[in-house]
Amino acid sequence: MSTKKKTEVVITSIEIPFWRLVGIMMKWMIAAIPAAALFALLVLLVQFLFTVFVGGIFILGGNSGGS
């Protein structure tokens, strides 16, 4: 068995130039566009399947009016 010693590291400061940080945030925003589109398609698919199956239950139930 090996004896490994755990070492803790505490970061106290990170210096990032302002415009570099703005560039990073712009990249995140651009990367979020396709992710949001895929999420919207997934929600649309789930909504469609829910409508088909739940709507199909009412169609298969027929007319329960009484005549």
C-alpha atoms as a PDB file:
ATOM      1  CA  MET A   1       0.000   0.000   0.000  1.00  0.00           C
ATOM      2  CA  SER A   2       1.271   3.434  -0.826  1.00  0.00           C
ATOM      3  CA  THR A   3       1.055   6.289   1.588  1.00  0.00           C
ATOM      4  CA  LYS A   4       0.063   9.473  -0.178  1.00  0.00           C
ATOM      5  CA  LYS A   5      -0.042  12.728   1.665  1.00  0.00           C
ATOM      6  CA  LYS A   6      -2.942  15.050   0.829  1.00  0.00           C
ATOM      7  CA  THR A   7      -2.000  18.620   0.107  1.00  0.00           C
ATOM      8  CA  GLU A   8      -4.499  21.458   0.390  1.00  0.00           C
ATOM      9  CA  VAL A   9      -4.239  24.460  -1.892  1.00  0.00           C
ATOM     10  CA  VAL A  10      -5.947  27.790  -1.242  1.00  0.00           C
ATOM     11  CA  ILE A  11      -6.177  30.327  -4.072  1.00  0.00           C
ATOM     12  CA  THR A  12      -6.310  33.841  -2.742  1.00  0.00           C
ATOM     13  CA  SER A  13      -6.235  35.919  -5.907  1.00  0.00           C
ATOM     14  CA  ILE A  14      -6.586  35.580  -9.659  1.00  0.00           C
ATOM     15  CA  GLU A  15      -5.609  38.500 -11.830  1.00  0.00           C
ATOM     16  CA  ILE A  16      -7.408  38.547 -15.191  1.00  0.00           C
ATOM     17  CA  PRO A  17      -7.442  41.678 -17.334  1.00  0.00           C
ATOM     18  CA  PHE A  18     -10.936  43.132 -17.799  1.00  0.00           C
ATOM     19  CA  TRP A  19     -11.087  42.795 -21.594  1.00  0.00           C
ATOM     20  CA  ARG A  20      -9.822  39.217 -21.408  1.00  0.00           C
ATOM     21  CA  LEU A  21     -12.700  38.463 -19.033  1.00  0.00           C
ATOM     22  CA  VAL A  22     -15.142  40.167 -21.420  1.00  0.00           C
ATOM     23  CA  GLY A  23     -13.804  37.953 -24.237  1.00  0.00           C
ATOM     24  CA  ILE A  24     -14.337  34.819 -22.155  1.00  0.00           C
ATOM     25  CA  MET A  25     -17.923  35.848 -21.378  1.00  0.00           C
ATOM     26  CA  MET A  26     -18.582  36.554 -25.072  1.00  0.00           C
ATOM     27  CA  LYS A  27     -17.373  33.042 -25.933  1.00  0.00           C
ATOM     28  CA  TRP A  28     -19.727  31.606 -23.275  1.00  0.00           C
ATOM     29  CA  MET A  29     -22.657  33.566 -24.724  1.00  0.00           C
ATOM     30  CA  ILE A  30     -21.901  32.395 -28.265  1.00  0.00           C
ATOM     31  CA  ALA A  31     -21.542  28.798 -27.061  1.00  0.00           C
ATOM     32  CA  ALA A  32     -24.884  29.037 -25.237  1.00  0.00           C
ATOM     33  CA  ILE A  33     -26.830  29.724 -28.452  1.00  0.00           C
ATOM     34  CA  PRO A  34     -26.623  26.164 -29.894  1.00  0.00           C
ATOM     35  CA  ALA A  35     -27.148  24.710 -26.418  1.00  0.00           C
ATOM     36  CA  ALA A  36     -30.339  26.748 -26.007  1.00  0.00           C
ATOM     37  CA  ALA A  37     -31.521  25.677 -29.471  1.00  0.00           C
ATOM     38  CA  LEU A  38     -30.974  21.995 -28.634  1.00  0.00           C
ATOM     39  CA  PHE A  39     -32.781  22.433 -25.327  1.00  0.00           C
ATOM     40  CA  ALA A  40     -35.710  24.106 -27.119  1.00  0.00           C
ATOM     41  CA  LEU A  41     -35.891  21.190 -29.579  1.00  0.00           C
ATOM     42  CA  LEU A  42     -35.880  18.725 -26.697  1.00  0.00           C
ATOM     43  CA  VAL A  43     -38.712  20.586 -24.962  1.00  0.00           C
ATOM     44  CA  LEU A  44     -40.629  20.705 -28.252  1.00  0.00           C
ATOM     45  CA  LEU A  45     -40.194  16.946 -28.727  1.00  0.00           C
ATOM     46  CA  VAL A  46     -41.384  16.188 -25.192  1.00  0.00           C
ATOM     47  CA  GLN A  47     -44.388  18.486 -25.663  1.00  0.00           C
ATOM     48  CA  PHE A  48     -45.218  16.827 -28.987  1.00  0.00           C
ATOM     49  CA  LEU A  49     -45.011  13.311 -27.529  1.00  0.00           C
ATOM     50  CA  PHE A  50     -47.110  14.338 -24.534  1.00  0.00           C
ATOM     51  CA  THR A  51     -49.747  15.853 -26.835  1.00  0.00           C
ATOM     52  CA  VAL A  52     -49.824  12.775 -29.076  1.00  0.00           C
ATOM     53  CA  PHE A  53     -50.160  10.272 -26.238  1.00  0.00           C
ATOM     54  CA  VAL A  54     -52.498  12.227 -23.969  1.00  0.00           C
ATOM     55  CA  GLY A  55     -54.516  13.555 -26.907  1.00  0.00           C
ATOM     56  CA  GLY A  56     -54.689  10.017 -28.300  1.00  0.00           C
ATOM     57  CA  ILE A  57     -56.207   8.774 -25.063  1.00  0.00           C
ATOM     58  CA  PHE A  58     -59.106  11.191 -25.434  1.00  0.00           C
ATOM     59  CA  ILE A  59     -59.584  10.353 -29.123  1.00  0.00           C
ATOM     60  CA  LEU A  60     -59.596   6.588 -28.425  1.00  0.00           C
ATOM     61  CA  GLY A  61     -62.041   7.102 -25.579  1.00  0.00           C
ATOM     62  CA  GLY A  62     -64.687   8.068 -28.085  1.00  0.00           C
ATOM     63  CA  ASN A  63     -67.748  10.161 -27.352  1.00  0.00           C
ATOM     64  CA  SER A  64     -68.821   9.699 -23.752  1.00  0.00           C
ATOM     65  CA  GLY A  65     -71.751  12.096 -24.149  1.00  0.00           C
ATOM     66  CA  GLY A  66     -74.612   9.714 -23.773  1.00  0.00           C
ATOM     67  CA  SER A  67     -76.305   9.646 -27.126  1.00  0.00           C
END
